[in-house]
Amino acid sequence: MSVSLEERVAILESEILLIKKKVEISTTKPWWEKNLGKFANSSDYDKAMQLGIKYRLHS
């Protein structure tokens, strides 16, 4: 069974509306506020920062 062009356009329009709603919801806060504190008390993060400093000092 073949889907008509009108049906395909209607499906695409509804999917675009869903995407727009998700984008609007996700942009209510700046990206940095969403990630604030994500790596608090993380030894891996601290080690990555130390390695970054060491790299910048010696390059």
Protein backbone atom coordinates (compact mmCIF):
# COMPACT_ATOMS: atom_id res chain seq x y z
CA MET A 1 0.00 0.00 0.00
CA SER A 2 1.44 3.31 -1.06
CA VAL A 3 1.22 6.43 1.09
CA SER A 4 0.02 9.51 -0.74
CA LEU A 5 2.08 12.65 -0.97
CA GLU A 6 -0.44 14.51 1.19
CA GLU A 7 -0.15 11.88 3.92
CA ARG A 8 3.63 11.99 3.80
CA VAL A 9 3.61 15.80 4.10
CA ALA A 10 1.19 15.61 7.03
CA ILE A 11 3.47 13.12 8.80
CA LEU A 12 6.52 15.32 8.19
CA GLU A 13 4.69 18.41 9.46
CA SER A 14 3.71 16.65 12.69
CA GLU A 15 7.29 15.43 13.19
CA ILE A 16 8.64 18.95 12.62
CA LEU A 17 6.24 20.30 15.24
CA LEU A 18 7.52 17.71 17.73
CA ILE A 19 11.12 18.68 16.99
CA LYS A 20 10.32 22.38 17.40
CA LYS A 21 8.71 21.70 20.78
CA LYS A 22 11.77 19.76 21.93
CA VAL A 23 14.09 22.56 20.81
CA GLU A 24 11.98 25.17 22.61
CA ILE A 25 11.98 23.11 25.79
CA SER A 26 15.69 22.41 25.63
CA THR A 27 16.61 26.06 25.12
CA THR A 28 14.84 27.37 28.21
CA LYS A 29 18.17 27.31 30.09
CA PRO A 30 21.60 28.11 28.70
CA TRP A 31 23.69 25.01 28.01
CA TRP A 32 26.20 25.89 30.70
CA GLU A 33 23.52 26.09 33.38
CA LYS A 34 22.30 22.61 32.45
CA ASN A 35 25.81 21.23 32.88
CA LEU A 36 26.77 23.24 35.96
CA GLY A 37 28.14 20.94 38.64
CA LYS A 38 28.01 17.84 36.46
CA PHE A 39 31.63 16.99 37.28
CA ALA A 40 31.67 18.11 40.92
CA ASN A 41 33.88 15.91 43.10
CA SER A 42 35.09 13.91 40.09
CA SER A 43 38.67 12.72 40.28
CA ASP A 44 38.60 11.99 36.54
CA TYR A 45 37.67 15.61 35.81
CA ASP A 46 40.39 16.91 38.13
CA LYS A 47 42.95 14.67 36.41
CA ALA A 48 41.81 15.87 32.97
CA MET A 49 42.22 19.49 34.07
CA GLN A 50 45.73 18.76 35.41
CA LEU A 51 46.72 17.10 32.15
CA GLY A 52 45.34 20.06 30.18
CA ILE A 53 47.37 22.53 32.22
CA LYS A 54 50.48 20.41 31.86
CA TYR A 55 49.96 20.19 28.09
CA ARG A 56 49.52 23.96 27.72
CA LEU A 57 52.60 24.73 29.82
CA HIS A 58 54.85 22.39 27.85
CA SER A 59 53.69 22.98 24.28
